[in-house]
Amino acid sequence: MAIDLDQLRTFVAVAEAQSLTRATDTLHLSLPAVSRRLSALEEELGVALLTRSTRRVALTQTGREFLPRARRLLDELEESLLGIRETAARRRGLVTIACIPTAAYYFLPATLANFARRFPHIRVRVIDLSADGVIDAVATGGAEFGIGMEGAAHPEVEFRLLRHDPFVLACRRDHPLAKKRGLKWADLHNETLVGVSRRSGNRLILDRALLPRGIQPSWRYETEHLSTSLGLVEAGLGVAVVPRLALPRDPHPVLVARPLTDPRIDRATGVVLRHGAVPAPAAQALLDLLEQNMTRA
């Protein structure tokens, strides 16, 4: 079988860019040269790895299965040639991860800064998506792994629990509820509540826990993202119930979080992985850092 490294590199670059044109910039090749390499690889394998259109390309099922193997082959060769220690200092490449917005906004930056210090030549692409979007991105090979919430089972992915995040009340420091150390859901009866839409995984967790107890919060405002709801709270429009992870780790100049019980509701947060896929060494290094930081947070 006459598959060469240039063909593998071209396939990985096109799959990650989801575009032949964008891949030409990464590879510093002409569009015909990229097309020839892909055609030669598919002809040698005897299967189609990509479907092409005028605007974008998409991985076939075989392509999705082959992508992590191609990444691993390229990375293993680099390690063999340079040595593990030298590779850690000189490795270049791209790691794509999918992440729910709450983790991407407040938690992920510190981990990425740590990763950049250790591997300065590796680029990281973060796709911030809904919880369902994270699962789909990992399942289809659009991301090497994801950070998401435990939810509906998917036959092609597995969820690795890292932490439980309690839902808390977020309010302004000058709000009367900020003076209390702890709150119950009954304390919110007369408050102006800011919530997220019914399409949100966080809303589903709350509804499943509250409705059987006969608790039906009256959400005055509904947003698509938790960061938007916190913006409304900061502007003084109401108070919000959010996972603790959605709030800054360091003290915020305007917002505070107060425990919320009776009932206490937790959200399971963790890593989403494709069944049977082995992350490339660079992706595994980032995954290891994320797991360490999330379990300590």
Protein backbone atom coordinates (compact mmCIF):
# COMPACT_ATOMS: atom_id res chain seq x y z
CA MET A 1 0.00 0.00 0.00
CA ALA A 2 1.59 3.27 -1.17
CA ILE A 3 0.17 5.78 1.32
CA ASP A 4 2.60 8.57 2.12
CA LEU A 5 2.79 11.09 4.95
CA ASP A 6 1.92 14.04 2.73
CA GLN A 7 -1.40 12.40 1.91
CA LEU A 8 -2.15 11.83 5.60
CA ARG A 9 -1.20 15.41 6.51
CA THR A 10 -3.41 16.73 3.73
CA PHE A 11 -6.37 14.62 4.81
CA VAL A 12 -6.05 15.74 8.46
CA ALA A 13 -5.70 19.41 7.46
CA VAL A 14 -8.79 19.30 5.21
CA ALA A 15 -10.83 17.40 7.81
CA GLU A 16 -9.96 19.93 10.52
CA ALA A 17 -10.56 22.96 8.29
CA GLN A 18 -13.73 21.42 6.75
CA SER A 19 -12.71 23.23 3.59
CA LEU A 20 -10.27 22.57 0.76
CA THR A 21 -9.61 26.28 0.37
CA ARG A 22 -8.80 26.87 4.04
CA ALA A 23 -6.57 23.80 4.08
CA THR A 24 -4.47 25.23 1.25
CA ASP A 25 -3.42 28.08 3.55
CA THR A 26 -2.35 25.64 6.27
CA LEU A 27 -0.50 23.34 3.88
CA HIS A 28 0.89 26.10 1.62
CA LEU A 29 -0.28 24.16 -1.42
CA SER A 30 -2.44 24.96 -4.40
CA LEU A 31 -6.03 23.73 -4.52
CA PRO A 32 -5.31 21.22 -7.32
CA ALA A 33 -2.38 19.79 -5.33
CA VAL A 34 -4.59 19.28 -2.28
CA SER A 35 -7.28 17.61 -4.39
CA ARG A 36 -4.72 15.30 -6.01
CA ARG A 37 -3.35 14.15 -2.66
CA LEU A 38 -6.83 13.43 -1.31
CA SER A 39 -7.84 11.55 -4.46
CA ALA A 40 -4.67 9.47 -4.33
CA LEU A 41 -5.27 8.58 -0.69
CA GLU A 42 -8.89 7.59 -1.30
CA GLU A 43 -7.89 5.57 -4.37
CA GLU A 44 -5.22 3.73 -2.39
CA LEU A 45 -7.64 2.96 0.45
CA GLY A 46 -10.47 2.09 -1.92
CA VAL A 47 -13.02 4.19 0.00
CA ALA A 48 -14.29 7.78 0.06
CA LEU A 49 -13.10 9.72 3.09
CA LEU A 50 -14.76 13.04 2.26
CA THR A 51 -17.82 14.37 0.48
CA ARG A 52 -17.11 17.57 -1.40
CA SER A 53 -19.32 20.52 -2.31
CA THR A 54 -18.61 23.98 -3.64
CA ARG A 55 -18.53 25.49 -0.15
CA ARG A 56 -17.27 22.82 2.22
CA VAL A 57 -16.26 19.23 2.70
CA ALA A 58 -17.60 16.74 5.20
CA LEU A 59 -16.24 13.46 6.51
CA THR A 60 -17.89 10.24 5.50
CA GLN A 61 -18.46 7.60 8.17
CA THR A 62 -15.20 5.95 7.11
CA GLY A 63 -13.48 9.33 7.19
CA ARG A 64 -14.66 9.99 10.75
CA GLU A 65 -13.26 6.64 11.83
CA PHE A 66 -9.98 7.16 9.97
CA LEU A 67 -9.32 10.74 11.21
CA PRO A 68 -8.15 9.89 14.77
CA ARG A 69 -6.00 7.07 13.36
CA ALA A 70 -4.36 9.42 10.88
CA ARG A 71 -3.68 11.96 13.61
CA ARG A 72 -2.18 9.25 15.79
CA LEU A 73 0.02 7.90 12.99
CA LEU A 74 1.44 11.35 12.28
CA ASP A 75 2.02 12.10 15.93
CA GLU A 76 3.62 8.74 16.66
CA LEU A 77 5.98 9.18 13.74
CA GLU A 78 6.99 12.60 15.03
CA GLU A 79 7.68 11.17 18.46
CA SER A 80 9.75 8.38 16.94
CA LEU A 81 11.87 10.79 14.93
CA LEU A 82 12.40 13.49 17.52
CA GLY A 83 12.17 11.56 20.78
CA ILE A 84 9.44 12.12 23.35
CA ARG A 85 11.28 14.84 25.28
CA GLU A 86 12.24 16.83 22.20
CA THR A 87 8.79 16.41 20.71
CA ALA A 88 7.18 17.86 23.84
CA ALA A 89 9.15 21.05 23.31
CA ARG A 90 8.84 21.25 19.53
CA ARG A 91 5.54 19.58 18.65
CA ARG A 92 3.29 21.53 16.36
CA GLY A 93 -0.26 20.87 15.41
CA LEU A 94 -3.89 21.59 16.20
CA VAL A 95 -6.19 20.20 18.89
CA THR A 96 -9.92 20.76 18.43
CA ILE A 97 -12.21 20.49 21.42
CA ALA A 98 -15.93 21.15 21.90
CA CYS A 99 -17.06 22.82 25.12
CA ILE A 100 -20.23 24.06 26.77
CA PRO A 101 -20.12 27.88 27.10
CA THR A 102 -19.99 27.95 30.91
CA ALA A 103 -16.78 25.96 30.98
CA ALA A 104 -15.35 27.79 27.95
CA TYR A 105 -15.93 31.22 29.47
CA TYR A 106 -14.67 30.91 33.03
CA PHE A 107 -12.88 27.60 33.51
CA LEU A 108 -11.11 26.73 30.27
CA PRO A 109 -8.83 29.82 29.85
CA ALA A 110 -6.65 28.97 32.88
CA THR A 111 -6.13 25.43 31.59
CA LEU A 112 -5.29 26.66 28.09
CA ALA A 113 -2.75 29.12 29.50
CA ASN A 114 -1.06 26.25 31.35
CA PHE A 115 -1.12 24.12 28.20
CA ALA A 116 0.40 26.94 26.11
CA ARG A 117 3.32 27.24 28.52
CA ARG A 118 4.06 23.53 28.18
CA PHE A 119 3.38 23.19 24.45
CA PRO A 120 3.87 26.63 22.90
CA HIS A 121 3.66 25.42 19.29
CA ILE A 122 0.34 23.59 19.50
CA ARG A 123 -2.75 25.50 18.41
CA VAL A 124 -6.08 24.85 20.11
CA ARG A 125 -9.46 25.36 18.49
CA VAL A 126 -12.36 25.68 20.95
CA ILE A 127 -15.88 25.17 19.60
CA ASP A 128 -18.38 26.45 22.15
CA LEU A 129 -21.64 24.57 21.74
CA SER A 130 -24.71 23.47 23.62
CA ALA A 131 -24.52 20.20 25.55
CA ASP A 132 -26.12 18.34 22.63
CA GLY A 133 -23.79 20.10 20.22
CA VAL A 134 -20.75 18.92 22.15
CA ILE A 135 -21.93 15.31 21.91
CA ASP A 136 -22.59 15.62 18.18
CA ALA A 137 -19.19 17.22 17.52
CA VAL A 138 -17.36 14.41 19.30
CA ALA A 139 -19.51 11.69 17.73
CA THR A 140 -18.92 12.95 14.19
CA GLY A 141 -15.18 13.56 14.64
CA GLY A 142 -15.48 17.34 14.55
CA ALA A 143 -13.72 17.50 17.93
CA GLU A 144 -11.21 15.15 19.52
CA PHE A 145 -13.03 15.39 22.84
CA GLY A 146 -15.52 17.63 24.57
CA ILE A 147 -16.42 19.17 27.91
CA GLY A 148 -20.11 18.81 28.54
CA MET A 149 -22.94 17.70 30.77
CA GLU A 150 -24.24 14.24 31.47
CA GLY A 151 -27.40 13.83 29.46
CA ALA A 152 -29.00 11.66 26.85
CA ALA A 153 -26.98 8.57 25.94
CA HIS A 154 -25.37 8.48 22.50
CA PRO A 155 -24.21 5.19 20.97
CA GLU A 156 -20.92 6.64 19.70
CA VAL A 157 -19.73 8.57 22.76
CA GLU A 158 -19.00 8.01 26.43
CA PHE A 159 -19.22 10.47 29.32
CA ARG A 160 -16.50 10.55 31.99
CA LEU A 161 -17.73 12.33 35.11
CA LEU A 162 -15.30 14.83 36.61
CA ARG A 163 -17.34 16.89 39.04
CA HIS A 164 -20.79 17.76 40.34
CA ASP A 165 -21.69 21.46 40.20
CA PRO A 166 -24.49 22.69 42.45
CA PHE A 167 -26.98 25.20 41.09
CA VAL A 168 -26.68 28.43 43.05
CA LEU A 169 -28.43 31.78 43.14
CA ALA A 170 -26.55 34.55 41.35
CA CYS A 171 -27.43 38.10 42.39
CA ARG A 172 -25.88 41.52 42.73
CA ARG A 173 -23.91 42.30 45.88
CA ASP A 174 -26.40 45.04 46.74
CA HIS A 175 -29.43 42.72 46.45
CA PRO A 176 -31.18 41.83 49.74
CA LEU A 177 -30.69 38.09 49.13
CA ALA A 178 -26.92 38.62 49.02
CA LYS A 179 -26.99 39.15 52.80
CA LYS A 180 -28.15 35.58 53.41
CA ARG A 181 -25.67 32.73 53.69
CA GLY A 182 -28.05 30.17 52.25
CA LEU A 183 -31.38 30.16 50.47
CA LYS A 184 -34.27 27.83 49.73
CA TRP A 185 -36.31 27.78 46.55
CA ALA A 186 -39.24 29.12 48.54
CA ASP A 187 -37.21 32.30 49.16
CA LEU A 188 -37.36 33.08 45.44
CA HIS A 189 -41.15 33.13 45.20
CA ASN A 190 -41.46 36.91 44.89
CA GLU A 191 -38.21 37.54 43.03
CA THR A 192 -37.78 38.49 39.39
CA LEU A 193 -36.12 35.40 37.94
CA VAL A 194 -33.81 35.19 34.95
CA GLY A 195 -33.66 31.73 33.40
CA VAL A 196 -32.52 29.91 30.29
CA SER A 197 -34.76 28.60 27.53
CA ARG A 198 -36.43 25.21 27.57
CA ARG A 199 -33.98 24.08 24.88
CA SER A 200 -31.11 24.37 27.36
CA GLY A 201 -29.74 21.29 29.11
CA ASN A 202 -29.53 23.31 32.33
CA ARG A 203 -33.24 24.11 32.17
CA LEU A 204 -34.01 20.43 31.67
CA ILE A 205 -32.04 19.52 34.80
CA LEU A 206 -33.93 22.12 36.86
CA ASP A 207 -37.36 21.13 35.54
CA ARG A 208 -36.75 17.43 36.23
CA ALA A 209 -35.80 18.19 39.82
CA LEU A 210 -38.43 20.83 40.61
CA LEU A 211 -41.63 19.79 38.84
CA PRO A 212 -42.09 16.53 40.82
CA ARG A 213 -41.94 18.67 43.98
CA GLY A 214 -44.60 21.05 42.69
CA ILE A 215 -42.12 23.91 42.31
CA GLN A 216 -42.71 25.92 39.14
CA PRO A 217 -40.52 29.04 39.05
CA SER A 218 -41.92 31.98 37.14
CA TRP A 219 -39.08 32.99 34.82
CA ARG A 220 -39.54 36.67 33.96
CA TYR A 221 -36.67 36.63 31.46
CA GLU A 222 -35.37 33.71 29.41
CA THR A 223 -32.05 33.63 27.56
CA GLU A 224 -30.24 31.11 25.36
CA HIS A 225 -26.96 31.22 27.30
CA LEU A 226 -26.06 31.43 30.99
CA SER A 227 -23.57 34.21 30.29
CA THR A 228 -26.44 36.31 28.96
CA SER A 229 -28.56 35.64 32.03
CA LEU A 230 -25.67 36.74 34.25
CA GLY A 231 -25.42 39.93 32.21
CA LEU A 232 -29.07 40.68 32.98
CA VAL A 233 -28.45 40.02 36.67
CA GLU A 234 -25.44 42.31 36.67
CA ALA A 235 -27.63 45.02 35.10
CA GLY A 236 -30.06 44.70 38.02
CA LEU A 237 -32.95 43.10 36.11
CA GLY A 238 -33.34 40.14 38.48
CA VAL A 239 -31.64 37.11 39.98
CA ALA A 240 -30.63 33.88 38.25
CA VAL A 241 -30.16 30.22 39.12
CA VAL A 242 -26.99 28.92 37.49
CA PRO A 243 -24.41 26.14 37.97
CA ARG A 244 -21.56 27.26 40.21
CA LEU A 245 -19.16 26.67 37.31
CA ALA A 246 -20.89 29.47 35.36
CA LEU A 247 -19.61 32.08 37.81
CA PRO A 248 -16.02 33.35 38.01
CA ARG A 249 -13.68 31.41 40.28
CA ASP A 250 -12.32 34.66 41.72
CA PRO A 251 -14.53 37.24 43.50
CA HIS A 252 -16.62 39.26 41.07
CA PRO A 253 -16.97 43.03 41.63
CA VAL A 254 -20.74 42.92 41.15
CA LEU A 255 -22.07 39.35 41.36
CA VAL A 256 -22.18 36.90 44.27
CA ALA A 257 -23.35 33.30 44.54
CA ARG A 258 -25.46 31.94 47.36
CA PRO A 259 -26.16 28.23 48.05
CA LEU A 260 -29.64 27.11 47.08
CA THR A 261 -31.31 24.13 48.77
CA ASP A 262 -34.60 22.40 49.41
CA PRO A 263 -33.95 20.90 46.99
CA ARG A 264 -30.25 21.10 46.21
CA ILE A 265 -29.77 20.43 42.50
CA ASP A 266 -26.47 19.35 40.95
CA ARG A 267 -25.22 19.25 37.39
CA ALA A 268 -22.80 16.50 36.34
CA THR A 269 -19.94 17.94 34.27
CA GLY A 270 -17.23 15.92 32.57
CA VAL A 271 -15.40 14.85 29.45
CA VAL A 272 -17.13 13.51 26.33
CA LEU A 273 -15.09 10.96 24.35
CA ARG A 274 -15.76 8.95 21.23
CA HIS A 275 -16.06 5.21 21.93
CA GLY A 276 -12.86 3.40 21.03
CA ALA A 277 -10.98 6.52 19.93
CA VAL A 278 -7.50 7.10 21.32
CA PRO A 279 -6.66 10.83 21.48
CA ALA A 280 -3.47 11.92 19.75
CA PRO A 281 -0.64 12.69 22.21
CA ALA A 282 -1.18 16.46 22.02
CA ALA A 283 -4.93 16.08 22.64
CA GLN A 284 -4.24 13.63 25.48
CA ALA A 285 -1.88 16.14 27.12
CA LEU A 286 -4.61 18.80 27.06
CA LEU A 287 -7.18 16.30 28.29
CA ASP A 288 -4.95 15.36 31.23
CA LEU A 289 -4.60 19.02 32.25
CA LEU A 290 -8.35 19.60 31.99
CA GLU A 291 -9.12 16.59 34.16
CA GLN A 292 -6.61 17.69 36.81
CA ASN A 293 -7.94 21.25 36.92
CA MET A 294 -11.61 20.36 36.83
CA THR A 295 -11.37 17.89 39.69
CA ARG A 296 -9.52 20.46 41.78
CA ALA A 297 -11.77 23.40 40.92
